[in-house]
Amino acid sequence: GLNTFISDVFSGIITTPGPHQLACFRDDVVFLIYLYQRRIYPVSKSRSRDYGAPNRKKPKGKPHED
């Protein structure tokens, strides 16, 4: 997000060619789509992690001392 913001600022301050300004705008659109999808499709907590390892819930009691 910070990189997108910085490129927009410099694209506005420094005279840049049209294709570069379009590329910055395209990056903004892609970033906004990413944020929108992240908001509407939350990560399922019951889903297994990478490589098929299940999510393990931490025990609620005190840890065992050996």
PDB file of N, CA and C in Angstrom:
ATOM      1  N   GLY A   1       0.807  -1.180   0.000  1.00  0.00           N
ATOM      2  CA  GLY A   1       0.000   0.000   0.000  1.00  0.00           C
ATOM      3  C   GLY A   1       0.861   1.261   0.000  1.00  0.00           C
ATOM      4  N   LEU A   2       1.929   1.225   0.786  1.00  0.00           N
ATOM      5  CA  LEU A   2       2.800   2.397   0.882  1.00  0.00           C
ATOM      6  C   LEU A   2       3.492   2.653  -0.455  1.00  0.00           C
ATOM      7  N   ASN A   3       3.920   1.601  -1.112  1.00  0.00           N
ATOM      8  CA  ASN A   3       4.577   1.751  -2.406  1.00  0.00           C
ATOM      9  C   ASN A   3       3.620   2.368  -3.427  1.00  0.00           C
ATOM     10  N   THR A   4       2.363   1.970  -3.420  1.00  0.00           N
ATOM     11  CA  THR A   4       1.370   2.531  -4.336  1.00  0.00           C
ATOM     12  C   THR A   4       1.166   4.005  -4.056  1.00  0.00           C
ATOM     13  N   PHE A   5       1.077   4.361  -2.790  1.00  0.00           N
ATOM     14  CA  PHE A   5       0.883   5.764  -2.421  1.00  0.00           C
ATOM     15  C   PHE A   5       2.086   6.610  -2.851  1.00  0.00           C
ATOM     16  N   ILE A   6       3.285   6.119  -2.603  1.00  0.00           N
ATOM     17  CA  ILE A   6       4.498   6.869  -2.960  1.00  0.00           C
ATOM     18  C   ILE A   6       4.591   7.054  -4.471  1.00  0.00           C
ATOM     19  N   SER A   7       4.292   6.023  -5.249  1.00  0.00           N
ATOM     20  CA  SER A   7       4.361   6.158  -6.703  1.00  0.00           C
ATOM     21  C   SER A   7       3.325   7.150  -7.204  1.00  0.00           C
ATOM     22  N   ASP A   8       2.155   7.209  -6.566  1.00  0.00           N
ATOM     23  CA  ASP A   8       1.142   8.200  -6.952  1.00  0.00           C
ATOM     24  C   ASP A   8       1.609   9.616  -6.661  1.00  0.00           C
ATOM     25  N   VAL A   9       2.221   9.807  -5.510  1.00  0.00           N
ATOM     26  CA  VAL A   9       2.695  11.137  -5.138  1.00  0.00           C
ATOM     27  C   VAL A   9       3.765  11.614  -6.117  1.00  0.00           C
ATOM     28  N   PHE A  10       4.744  10.771  -6.385  1.00  0.00           N
ATOM     29  CA  PHE A  10       5.808  11.173  -7.290  1.00  0.00           C
ATOM     30  C   PHE A  10       5.323  11.295  -8.729  1.00  0.00           C
ATOM     31  N   SER A  11       4.326  10.513  -9.094  1.00  0.00           N
ATOM     32  CA  SER A  11       3.764  10.633 -10.434  1.00  0.00           C
ATOM     33  C   SER A  11       3.074  11.981 -10.603  1.00  0.00           C
ATOM     34  N   GLY A  12       2.496  12.497  -9.526  1.00  0.00           N
ATOM     35  CA  GLY A  12       1.835  13.801  -9.584  1.00  0.00           C
ATOM     36  C   GLY A  12       2.808  14.957  -9.490  1.00  0.00           C
ATOM     37  N   ILE A  13       3.884  14.795  -8.718  1.00  0.00           N
ATOM     38  CA  ILE A  13       4.851  15.886  -8.521  1.00  0.00           C
ATOM     39  C   ILE A  13       5.793  16.014  -9.712  1.00  0.00           C
ATOM     40  N   ILE A  14       6.367  14.903 -10.120  1.00  0.00           N
ATOM     41  CA  ILE A  14       7.353  14.911 -11.197  1.00  0.00           C
ATOM     42  C   ILE A  14       6.612  14.703 -12.526  1.00  0.00           C
ATOM     43  N   THR A  15       7.017  15.430 -13.545  1.00  0.00           N
ATOM     44  CA  THR A  15       6.414  15.251 -14.857  1.00  0.00           C
ATOM     45  C   THR A  15       6.802  13.878 -15.394  1.00  0.00           C
ATOM     46  N   THR A  16       5.798  13.041 -15.584  1.00  0.00           N
ATOM     47  CA  THR A  16       6.045  11.683 -16.059  1.00  0.00           C
ATOM     48  C   THR A  16       5.271  11.457 -17.353  1.00  0.00           C
ATOM     49  N   PRO A  17       5.720  10.525 -18.169  1.00  0.00           N
ATOM     50  CA  PRO A  17       4.993  10.214 -19.394  1.00  0.00           C
ATOM     51  C   PRO A  17       3.623   9.606 -19.089  1.00  0.00           C
ATOM     52  N   GLY A  18       2.728   9.718 -20.032  1.00  0.00           N
ATOM     53  CA  GLY A  18       1.371   9.199 -19.869  1.00  0.00           C
ATOM     54  C   GLY A  18       1.299   7.733 -19.526  1.00  0.00           C
ATOM     55  N   PRO A  19       2.074   6.870 -20.196  1.00  0.00           N
ATOM     56  CA  PRO A  19       2.002   5.439 -19.856  1.00  0.00           C
ATOM     57  C   PRO A  19       2.378   5.141 -18.395  1.00  0.00           C
ATOM     58  N   HIS A  20       3.322   5.913 -17.843  1.00  0.00           N
ATOM     59  CA  HIS A  20       3.694   5.694 -16.444  1.00  0.00           C
ATOM     60  C   HIS A  20       2.542   6.089 -15.522  1.00  0.00           C
ATOM     61  N   GLN A  21       1.865   7.178 -15.829  1.00  0.00           N
ATOM     62  CA  GLN A  21       0.727   7.586 -15.016  1.00  0.00           C
ATOM     63  C   GLN A  21      -0.399   6.559 -15.096  1.00  0.00           C
ATOM     64  N   LEU A  22      -0.605   5.981 -16.286  1.00  0.00           N
ATOM     65  CA  LEU A  22      -1.615   4.923 -16.424  1.00  0.00           C
ATOM     66  C   LEU A  22      -1.223   3.685 -15.627  1.00  0.00           C
ATOM     67  N   ALA A  23       0.050   3.371 -15.606  1.00  0.00           N
ATOM     68  CA  ALA A  23       0.521   2.219 -14.841  1.00  0.00           C
ATOM     69  C   ALA A  23       0.296   2.441 -13.344  1.00  0.00           C
ATOM     70  N   CYS A  24       0.528   3.662 -12.876  1.00  0.00           N
ATOM     71  CA  CYS A  24       0.278   3.978 -11.456  1.00  0.00           C
ATOM     72  C   CYS A  24      -1.205   3.852 -11.139  1.00  0.00           C
ATOM     73  N   PHE A  25      -2.047   4.336 -12.051  1.00  0.00           N
ATOM     74  CA  PHE A  25      -3.490   4.233 -11.853  1.00  0.00           C
ATOM     75  C   PHE A  25      -3.924   2.770 -11.840  1.00  0.00           C
ATOM     76  N   ARG A  26      -3.336   1.961 -12.735  1.00  0.00           N
ATOM     77  CA  ARG A  26      -3.649   0.532 -12.780  1.00  0.00           C
ATOM     78  C   ARG A  26      -3.265  -0.134 -11.466  1.00  0.00           C
ATOM     79  N   ASP A  27      -2.107   0.219 -10.917  1.00  0.00           N
ATOM     80  CA  ASP A  27      -1.689  -0.337  -9.628  1.00  0.00           C
ATOM     81  C   ASP A  27      -2.677   0.020  -8.531  1.00  0.00           C
ATOM     82  N   ASP A  28      -3.199   1.241  -8.567  1.00  0.00           N
ATOM     83  CA  ASP A  28      -4.193   1.656  -7.572  1.00  0.00           C
ATOM     84  C   ASP A  28      -5.459   0.823  -7.688  1.00  0.00           C
ATOM     85  N   VAL A  29      -5.900   0.595  -8.908  1.00  0.00           N
ATOM     86  CA  VAL A  29      -7.120  -0.187  -9.123  1.00  0.00           C
ATOM     87  C   VAL A  29      -6.921  -1.616  -8.630  1.00  0.00           C
ATOM     88  N   VAL A  30      -5.783  -2.213  -8.943  1.00  0.00           N
ATOM     89  CA  VAL A  30      -5.502  -3.579  -8.498  1.00  0.00           C
ATOM     90  C   VAL A  30      -5.434  -3.637  -6.975  1.00  0.00           C
ATOM     91  N   PHE A  31      -4.821  -2.650  -6.345  1.00  0.00           N
ATOM     92  CA  PHE A  31      -4.723  -2.620  -4.894  1.00  0.00           C
ATOM     93  C   PHE A  31      -6.103  -2.479  -4.246  1.00  0.00           C
ATOM     94  N   LEU A  32      -6.961  -1.647  -4.814  1.00  0.00           N
ATOM     95  CA  LEU A  32      -8.317  -1.490  -4.276  1.00  0.00           C
ATOM     96  C   LEU A  32      -9.134  -2.770  -4.442  1.00  0.00           C
ATOM     97  N   ILE A  33      -8.956  -3.464  -5.559  1.00  0.00           N
ATOM     98  CA  ILE A  33      -9.640  -4.750  -5.746  1.00  0.00           C
ATOM     99  C   ILE A  33      -9.147  -5.759  -4.721  1.00  0.00           C
ATOM    100  N   TYR A  34      -7.840  -5.763  -4.461  1.00  0.00           N
ATOM    101  CA  TYR A  34      -7.279  -6.656  -3.444  1.00  0.00           C
ATOM    102  C   TYR A  34      -7.894  -6.370  -2.074  1.00  0.00           C
ATOM    103  N   LEU A  35      -7.974  -5.097  -1.687  1.00  0.00           N
ATOM    104  CA  LEU A  35      -8.556  -4.750  -0.392  1.00  0.00           C
ATOM    105  C   LEU A  35     -10.026  -5.150  -0.312  1.00  0.00           C
ATOM    106  N   TYR A  36     -10.764  -4.943  -1.404  1.00  0.00           N
ATOM    107  CA  TYR A  36     -12.178  -5.302  -1.431  1.00  0.00           C
ATOM    108  C   TYR A  36     -12.354  -6.812  -1.268  1.00  0.00           C
ATOM    109  N   GLN A  37     -11.575  -7.593  -2.007  1.00  0.00           N
ATOM    110  CA  GLN A  37     -11.697  -9.040  -1.907  1.00  0.00           C
ATOM    111  C   GLN A  37     -11.270  -9.556  -0.538  1.00  0.00           C
ATOM    112  N   ARG A  38     -10.276  -8.935   0.044  1.00  0.00           N
ATOM    113  CA  ARG A  38      -9.842  -9.349   1.377  1.00  0.00           C
ATOM    114  C   ARG A  38     -10.931  -9.089   2.413  1.00  0.00           C
ATOM    115  N   ARG A  39     -11.698  -8.038   2.178  1.00  0.00           N
ATOM    116  CA  ARG A  39     -12.782  -7.694   3.105  1.00  0.00           C
ATOM    117  C   ARG A  39     -13.968  -8.642   2.970  1.00  0.00           C
ATOM    118  N   ILE A  40     -14.344  -8.987   1.720  1.00  0.00           N
ATOM    119  CA  ILE A  40     -15.556  -9.795   1.541  1.00  0.00           C
ATOM    120  C   ILE A  40     -15.299 -11.290   1.654  1.00  0.00           C
ATOM    121  N   TYR A  41     -14.054 -11.730   1.511  1.00  0.00           N
ATOM    122  CA  TYR A  41     -13.731 -13.151   1.622  1.00  0.00           C
ATOM    123  C   TYR A  41     -12.777 -13.372   2.796  1.00  0.00           C
ATOM    124  N   PRO A  42     -13.294 -13.453   4.021  1.00  0.00           N
ATOM    125  CA  PRO A  42     -12.405 -13.641   5.177  1.00  0.00           C
ATOM    126  C   PRO A  42     -11.781 -15.043   5.168  1.00  0.00           C
ATOM    127  N   VAL A  43     -10.674 -15.169   5.851  1.00  0.00           N
ATOM    128  CA  VAL A  43      -9.982 -16.446   5.953  1.00  0.00           C
ATOM    129  C   VAL A  43     -10.730 -17.337   6.939  1.00  0.00           C
ATOM    130  N   SER A  44     -10.993 -18.551   6.528  1.00  0.00           N
ATOM    131  CA  SER A  44     -11.700 -19.499   7.381  1.00  0.00           C
ATOM    132  C   SER A  44     -10.740 -20.048   8.430  1.00  0.00           C
ATOM    133  N   LYS A  45     -11.120 -19.958   9.693  1.00  0.00           N
ATOM    134  CA  LYS A  45     -10.270 -20.444  10.784  1.00  0.00           C
ATOM    135  C   LYS A  45     -10.271 -21.969  10.848  1.00  0.00           C
ATOM    136  N   SER A  46     -11.306 -22.616  10.292  1.00  0.00           N
ATOM    137  CA  SER A  46     -11.374 -24.075  10.362  1.00  0.00           C
ATOM    138  C   SER A  46     -10.608 -24.737   9.223  1.00  0.00           C
ATOM    139  N   ARG A  47     -10.111 -23.967   8.293  1.00  0.00           N
ATOM    140  CA  ARG A  47      -9.384 -24.492   7.150  1.00  0.00           C
ATOM    141  C   ARG A  47      -7.986 -24.939   7.562  1.00  0.00           C
ATOM    142  N   SER A  48      -7.486 -25.997   6.927  1.00  0.00           N
ATOM    143  CA  SER A  48      -6.141 -26.448   7.264  1.00  0.00           C
ATOM    144  C   SER A  48      -5.113 -25.506   6.656  1.00  0.00           C
ATOM    145  N   ARG A  49      -3.951 -25.487   7.259  1.00  0.00           N
ATOM    146  CA  ARG A  49      -2.873 -24.620   6.786  1.00  0.00           C
ATOM    147  C   ARG A  49      -2.206 -25.229   5.576  1.00  0.00           C
ATOM    148  N   ASP A  50      -1.128 -24.598   5.131  1.00  0.00           N
ATOM    149  CA  ASP A  50      -0.363 -25.110   3.996  1.00  0.00           C
ATOM    150  C   ASP A  50       0.131 -26.520   4.279  1.00  0.00           C
ATOM    151  N   TYR A  51       0.258 -27.291   3.257  1.00  0.00           N
ATOM    152  CA  TYR A  51       0.772 -28.656   3.311  1.00  0.00           C
ATOM    153  C   TYR A  51      -0.124 -29.588   4.109  1.00  0.00           C
ATOM    154  N   GLY A  52      -1.388 -29.231   4.267  1.00  0.00           N
ATOM    155  CA  GLY A  52      -2.353 -30.120   4.893  1.00  0.00           C
ATOM    156  C   GLY A  52      -2.265 -30.224   6.390  1.00  0.00           C
ATOM    157  N   ALA A  53      -1.432 -29.429   7.044  1.00  0.00           N
ATOM    158  CA  ALA A  53      -1.341 -29.487   8.507  1.00  0.00           C
ATOM    159  C   ALA A  53      -2.572 -28.809   9.103  1.00  0.00           C
ATOM    160  N   PRO A  54      -3.274 -29.480   9.988  1.00  0.00           N
ATOM    161  CA  PRO A  54      -4.481 -28.866  10.567  1.00  0.00           C
ATOM    162  C   PRO A  54      -4.119 -27.753  11.546  1.00  0.00           C
ATOM    163  N   ASN A  55      -5.032 -26.808  11.694  1.00  0.00           N
ATOM    164  CA  ASN A  55      -4.853 -25.774  12.716  1.00  0.00           C
ATOM    165  C   ASN A  55      -5.063 -26.407  14.071  1.00  0.00           C
ATOM    166  N   ARG A  56      -4.167 -26.173  14.953  1.00  0.00           N
ATOM    167  CA  ARG A  56      -4.289 -26.737  16.298  1.00  0.00           C
ATOM    168  C   ARG A  56      -4.608 -25.613  17.269  1.00  0.00           C
ATOM    169  N   LYS A  57      -5.677 -25.818  17.994  1.00  0.00           N
ATOM    170  CA  LYS A  57      -6.070 -24.811  18.977  1.00  0.00           C
ATOM    171  C   LYS A  57      -5.198 -24.955  20.213  1.00  0.00           C
ATOM    172  N   LYS A  58      -4.844 -23.824  20.787  1.00  0.00           N
ATOM    173  CA  LYS A  58      -4.046 -23.841  22.000  1.00  0.00           C
ATOM    174  C   LYS A  58      -4.929 -24.268  23.170  1.00  0.00           C
ATOM    175  N   PRO A  59      -4.413 -25.059  24.075  1.00  0.00           N
ATOM    176  CA  PRO A  59      -5.216 -25.454  25.235  1.00  0.00           C
ATOM    177  C   PRO A  59      -5.526 -24.244  26.105  1.00  0.00           C
ATOM    178  N   LYS A  60      -6.721 -24.254  26.705  1.00  0.00           N
ATOM    179  CA  LYS A  60      -7.145 -23.114  27.513  1.00  0.00           C
ATOM    180  C   LYS A  60      -6.610 -23.163  28.933  1.00  0.00           C
ATOM    181  N   GLY A  61      -6.172 -24.325  29.373  1.00  0.00           N
ATOM    182  CA  GLY A  61      -5.673 -24.466  30.743  1.00  0.00           C
ATOM    183  C   GLY A  61      -4.240 -23.997  30.872  1.00  0.00           C
ATOM    184  N   LYS A  62      -3.705 -24.204  32.059  1.00  0.00           N
ATOM    185  CA  LYS A  62      -2.314 -23.834  32.294  1.00  0.00           C
ATOM    186  C   LYS A  62      -1.379 -24.779  31.553  1.00  0.00           C
ATOM    187  N   PRO A  63      -0.236 -24.294  31.117  1.00  0.00           N
ATOM    188  CA  PRO A  63       0.706 -25.190  30.423  1.00  0.00           C
ATOM    189  C   PRO A  63       1.274 -26.218  31.406  1.00  0.00           C
ATOM    190  N   HIS A  64       1.589 -27.372  30.882  1.00  0.00           N
ATOM    191  CA  HIS A  64       2.138 -28.435  31.719  1.00  0.00           C
ATOM    192  C   HIS A  64       3.593 -28.156  32.029  1.00  0.00           C
ATOM    193  N   GLU A  65       3.974 -28.443  33.260  1.00  0.00           N
ATOM    194  CA  GLU A  65       5.379 -28.291  33.648  1.00  0.00           C
ATOM    195  C   GLU A  65       5.956 -29.676  33.866  1.00  0.00           C
ATOM    196  N   ASP A  66       7.018 -29.990  33.155  1.00  0.00           N
ATOM    197  CA  ASP A  66       7.635 -31.317  33.267  1.00  0.00           C
ATOM    198  C   ASP A  66       8.760 -31.306  34.237  1.00  0.00           C
TER     199      ASP A  66
END
